[in-house]
Amino acid sequence: MRQARDFGLTVVVLALLGIAAGFLWSALAPRTPYVVTKTGPVLADPTTQSLIAADGWFAVITGGAGLACGIVAYLVARKGRPLALLAGLAAGGMLAGWLALSVGTSIGGSIIQAAAVPGSASVGATVNVLSVTARGVLLAWPLVAVAVFGIIESVDGYRESPLRQPYAGELHAGEPYAFPQDARPSGGSPSQGPDGSAGPLSDGSAGPSSHGQDGAAGPSQSRDGSGGPPSPGPGAV
C-alpha cells in the first residue's frame, strides 16, 4: 500500500511540474511563422532556426526538471521504498513531458488551430506556431530523472560496499606489521625460532668466527683457549 502511495504521489507531483514547465516553455521558446495556403500552412522562411530553438528549449527545460526530480527522489528514497519512486519517476516523467507539450502549444490555441487546419484561416495569412518537431525530446524528462537517480544510487552503494575494504592482511601506509596470534613470540628472546626452540646463538656457544667446524680454536684464539695472538715458537728470536 505504501509503495502504491509513493508511486501515485510521485506521478502527481511530476504532472504538476509538467504543467508549470509547459508555461515556461511557451514563454521562452520562439514561435515559427507559417503562411496559410489552400493546402495548409507552410513555413514562411524555410531557413528559419526557430524550430530547432523550440526543440532545444523544450529539452533544456524538461531535462533540467528531470535532473532536479532525480536528485530529490534519491534523497527521499534513502528513507526506504526506492523502487516505487524510481517507477514514479519513469511514469511521471513521461506524463510531465506530454503535459508540458500540450500546455505550451495550447496557449493561443486559436492561432495554432488556424495554422494546423487547412481552410480555418484566410489564405495568405501569417500565423506563429509553437511546436516540437523532434519527438524524442519528450523523453528527456523521464530519461534524465531515472539516469540521475540510478547513478547517485550506484555511487552511494559502491561507497558502502565491502569491495572498498582492504583485503585480509593488507597493510595501510604507516601501520606496523601484526603477527598472527599463533606465531607471535611469547616472552622468548628474539633469537628463538617460531616453535620456541633455541636459535643458533642462544646456547652461548661460539659462533663461526671463534671456532672451526671441528671445534678447534679459530684464528682469533690461542691453542690453550686464551684469547690474543698466538705465542711465538721456541725457535723465534
Protein backbone atom coordinates (compact mmCIF):
# COMPACT_ATOMS: atom_id res chain seq x y z
CA MET A 1 0.00 0.00 0.00
CA ARG A 2 2.77 2.40 0.87
CA GLN A 3 4.55 1.51 -2.37
CA ALA A 4 1.44 2.41 -4.38
CA ARG A 5 1.00 5.63 -2.44
CA ASP A 6 4.59 6.71 -3.10
CA PHE A 7 4.25 5.85 -6.78
CA GLY A 8 1.00 7.79 -7.16
CA LEU A 9 2.30 10.79 -5.24
CA THR A 10 5.41 10.93 -7.40
CA VAL A 11 3.36 10.84 -10.60
CA VAL A 12 1.03 13.61 -9.38
CA VAL A 13 3.90 15.87 -8.35
CA LEU A 14 5.67 15.42 -11.68
CA ALA A 15 2.42 16.07 -13.57
CA LEU A 16 2.00 19.41 -11.79
CA LEU A 17 5.59 20.26 -12.59
CA GLY A 18 4.93 19.35 -16.22
CA ILE A 19 2.14 21.92 -16.42
CA ALA A 20 4.45 24.58 -14.99
CA ALA A 21 7.17 23.55 -17.46
CA GLY A 22 4.71 23.99 -20.33
CA PHE A 23 4.05 27.61 -19.35
CA LEU A 24 7.78 28.23 -19.02
CA TRP A 25 8.49 26.71 -22.43
CA SER A 26 5.76 28.81 -24.01
CA ALA A 27 7.29 31.95 -22.51
CA LEU A 28 10.88 31.25 -23.57
CA ALA A 29 10.72 29.34 -26.86
CA PRO A 30 10.44 31.28 -30.13
CA ARG A 31 7.43 30.88 -32.44
CA THR A 32 7.76 29.76 -36.01
CA PRO A 33 5.94 31.84 -38.64
CA TYR A 34 3.70 29.93 -41.07
CA VAL A 35 1.84 31.14 -44.14
CA VAL A 36 -1.63 29.69 -44.65
CA THR A 37 -2.21 28.33 -48.14
CA LYS A 38 -5.07 26.43 -49.76
CA THR A 39 -3.35 23.14 -48.94
CA GLY A 40 -2.36 24.07 -45.39
CA PRO A 41 0.32 26.03 -43.55
CA VAL A 42 3.87 26.23 -44.89
CA LEU A 43 6.95 27.78 -43.42
CA ALA A 44 7.25 31.46 -44.16
CA ASP A 45 11.05 31.14 -44.05
CA PRO A 46 12.37 27.67 -44.97
CA THR A 47 15.78 28.56 -43.49
CA THR A 48 14.43 29.54 -40.09
CA GLN A 49 16.09 28.10 -36.99
CA SER A 50 13.10 28.68 -34.72
CA LEU A 51 12.00 25.04 -34.97
CA ILE A 52 15.36 23.84 -33.68
CA ALA A 53 15.33 26.50 -30.98
CA ALA A 54 11.88 25.42 -29.81
CA ASP A 55 13.03 21.80 -29.55
CA GLY A 56 16.17 22.88 -27.73
CA TRP A 57 14.28 24.95 -25.18
CA PHE A 58 11.91 22.08 -24.56
CA ALA A 59 14.80 19.66 -23.99
CA VAL A 60 16.61 22.09 -21.67
CA ILE A 61 13.54 22.81 -19.55
CA THR A 62 12.33 19.25 -19.24
CA GLY A 63 15.84 17.84 -18.86
CA GLY A 64 16.61 20.31 -16.07
CA ALA A 65 13.36 19.40 -14.36
CA GLY A 66 14.23 15.70 -14.67
CA LEU A 67 17.65 16.35 -13.12
CA ALA A 68 16.11 18.10 -10.12
CA CYS A 69 13.44 15.40 -9.74
CA GLY A 70 16.04 12.62 -9.81
CA ILE A 71 18.12 14.23 -7.05
CA VAL A 72 15.11 14.97 -4.84
CA ALA A 73 13.73 11.46 -5.36
CA TYR A 74 17.05 9.93 -4.32
CA LEU A 75 17.14 11.99 -1.13
CA VAL A 76 13.61 10.88 -0.31
CA ALA A 77 14.31 7.25 -1.28
CA ARG A 78 17.09 6.96 1.30
CA LYS A 79 14.32 6.53 3.88
CA GLY A 80 13.05 3.44 2.04
CA ARG A 81 10.96 2.27 -0.94
CA PRO A 82 13.31 3.36 -3.77
CA LEU A 83 11.63 1.15 -6.39
CA ALA A 84 8.30 2.95 -6.04
CA LEU A 85 9.98 6.33 -6.50
CA LEU A 86 12.01 5.07 -9.45
CA ALA A 87 8.89 3.78 -11.19
CA GLY A 88 7.15 7.05 -10.38
CA LEU A 89 9.98 8.99 -11.98
CA ALA A 90 9.65 6.98 -15.20
CA ALA A 91 5.86 7.16 -15.49
CA GLY A 92 5.52 10.66 -14.08
CA GLY A 93 8.31 11.97 -16.30
CA MET A 94 6.57 10.75 -19.44
CA LEU A 95 3.29 12.29 -18.29
CA ALA A 96 5.04 15.53 -17.38
CA GLY A 97 6.67 15.79 -20.80
CA TRP A 98 3.36 15.27 -22.56
CA LEU A 99 1.63 17.85 -20.36
CA ALA A 100 4.41 20.36 -20.96
CA LEU A 101 3.97 19.96 -24.72
CA SER A 102 0.18 20.19 -24.53
CA VAL A 103 0.15 23.25 -22.32
CA GLY A 104 2.87 25.04 -24.26
CA THR A 105 1.24 24.51 -27.66
CA SER A 106 -2.28 25.25 -26.43
CA ILE A 107 -1.53 28.80 -25.32
CA GLY A 108 -3.13 30.89 -28.09
CA GLY A 109 -4.90 27.77 -29.31
CA SER A 110 -6.95 29.56 -31.94
CA ILE A 111 -3.80 30.70 -33.76
CA ILE A 112 -2.29 27.23 -33.65
CA GLN A 113 -5.51 25.68 -34.89
CA ALA A 114 -5.68 28.19 -37.72
CA ALA A 115 -2.23 27.16 -38.88
CA ALA A 116 -2.83 23.45 -38.46
CA VAL A 117 -6.23 23.06 -40.11
CA PRO A 118 -6.49 23.97 -43.80
CA GLY A 119 -9.21 26.47 -44.54
CA SER A 120 -9.58 27.69 -40.93
CA ALA A 121 -7.72 30.94 -41.74
CA SER A 122 -7.64 33.22 -44.74
CA VAL A 123 -5.22 32.24 -47.46
CA GLY A 124 -2.01 34.25 -47.27
CA ALA A 125 -2.32 34.99 -43.56
CA THR A 126 0.78 34.57 -41.40
CA VAL A 127 0.47 32.81 -38.04
CA ASN A 128 3.06 31.99 -35.39
CA VAL A 129 3.16 28.43 -34.14
CA LEU A 130 4.98 26.82 -31.22
CA SER A 131 5.53 23.12 -31.70
CA VAL A 132 8.03 20.29 -31.29
CA THR A 133 9.38 18.64 -34.43
CA ALA A 134 11.81 16.19 -32.77
CA ARG A 135 9.53 13.92 -30.76
CA GLY A 136 12.49 12.38 -29.00
CA VAL A 137 12.75 15.40 -26.67
CA LEU A 138 9.55 14.23 -25.00
CA LEU A 139 11.64 11.52 -23.31
CA ALA A 140 14.18 13.96 -21.87
CA TRP A 141 12.35 14.28 -18.55
CA PRO A 142 11.98 10.58 -17.65
CA LEU A 143 15.36 9.53 -19.04
CA VAL A 144 17.32 12.20 -17.16
CA ALA A 145 15.39 11.64 -13.92
CA VAL A 146 15.87 7.86 -13.94
CA ALA A 147 19.53 8.12 -15.02
CA VAL A 148 20.42 10.61 -12.28
CA PHE A 149 18.65 8.52 -9.66
CA GLY A 150 20.46 5.36 -10.76
CA ILE A 151 23.89 6.99 -10.96
CA ILE A 152 23.69 8.52 -7.49
CA GLU A 153 22.34 5.28 -6.04
CA SER A 154 25.18 3.29 -7.64
CA VAL A 155 27.89 5.65 -6.39
CA ASP A 156 26.48 5.68 -2.88
CA GLY A 157 26.16 1.89 -2.88
CA TYR A 158 29.77 1.49 -4.00
CA ARG A 159 31.00 3.68 -1.17
CA GLU A 160 29.31 1.40 1.36
CA SER A 161 30.29 -1.80 -0.44
CA PRO A 162 32.72 -4.27 1.24
CA LEU A 163 34.68 -4.28 -2.02
CA ARG A 164 36.23 -0.97 -0.92
CA GLN A 165 37.52 -2.57 2.33
CA PRO A 166 41.18 -3.78 2.37
CA TYR A 167 41.85 -7.46 1.87
CA ALA A 168 42.82 -9.64 4.82
CA GLY A 169 46.41 -8.96 5.78
CA GLU A 170 46.71 -5.87 3.63
CA LEU A 171 48.51 -3.06 5.41
CA HIS A 172 47.73 0.61 5.18
CA ALA A 173 50.55 3.09 4.85
CA GLY A 174 52.33 3.62 8.15
CA GLU A 175 50.77 0.66 10.00
CA PRO A 176 53.12 -1.84 11.76
CA TYR A 177 53.06 -5.48 10.82
CA ALA A 178 50.77 -7.54 13.04
CA PHE A 179 51.99 -11.09 13.80
CA PRO A 180 49.41 -13.85 13.67
CA GLN A 181 48.27 -15.00 17.08
CA ASP A 182 49.82 -18.47 16.77
CA ALA A 183 53.19 -17.16 15.55
CA ARG A 184 53.60 -14.25 17.99
CA PRO A 185 56.62 -14.83 20.33
CA SER A 186 55.51 -15.05 23.98
CA GLY A 187 58.26 -13.89 26.33
CA GLY A 188 61.06 -15.53 24.35
CA SER A 189 64.19 -13.86 23.16
CA PRO A 190 64.39 -12.66 19.57
CA SER A 191 66.86 -15.48 18.92
CA GLN A 192 64.23 -18.16 19.42
CA GLY A 193 62.60 -19.77 16.42
CA PRO A 194 58.87 -19.83 15.74
CA ASP A 195 58.49 -23.18 17.58
CA GLY A 196 60.19 -21.95 20.78
CA SER A 197 63.49 -23.86 20.24
CA ALA A 198 66.79 -22.15 20.81
CA GLY A 199 68.26 -20.37 17.85
CA PRO A 200 71.78 -20.80 16.58
CA LEU A 201 73.22 -18.32 19.07
CA SER A 202 71.01 -18.91 22.11
CA ASP A 203 73.12 -21.64 23.83
CA GLY A 204 76.14 -19.43 24.36
CA SER A 205 78.38 -21.41 22.04
CA ALA A 206 80.85 -19.52 19.99
CA GLY A 207 79.87 -18.57 16.51
CA PRO A 208 81.73 -19.40 13.38
CA SER A 209 84.18 -16.58 13.99
CA SER A 210 85.63 -18.26 17.13
CA HIS A 211 85.64 -21.98 16.32
CA GLY A 212 86.05 -24.03 13.26
CA GLN A 213 83.69 -26.67 12.15
CA ASP A 214 85.52 -29.43 14.14
CA GLY A 215 85.54 -27.47 17.41
CA ALA A 216 89.19 -26.38 17.04
CA ALA A 217 90.13 -22.90 18.05
CA GLY A 218 89.70 -20.33 15.40
CA PRO A 219 92.29 -17.89 14.27
CA SER A 220 91.29 -15.42 16.95
CA GLN A 221 92.15 -17.78 19.89
CA SER A 222 95.34 -19.50 21.01
CA ARG A 223 95.73 -23.24 21.41
CA ASP A 224 95.12 -23.12 25.15
CA GLY A 225 91.82 -21.31 24.66
CA SER A 226 93.13 -17.96 25.82
CA GLY A 227 92.50 -15.05 23.61
CA GLY A 228 95.04 -12.91 21.92
CA PRO A 229 97.56 -13.56 19.18
CA PRO A 230 99.47 -16.89 19.10
CA SER A 231 102.74 -17.06 21.10
CA PRO A 232 105.94 -17.25 19.16
CA GLY A 233 107.51 -20.66 18.70
CA PRO A 234 110.62 -21.84 20.57
CA GLY A 235 112.89 -21.02 17.73
CA ALA A 236 111.68 -17.48 17.41
CA VAL A 237 114.21 -14.82 18.20
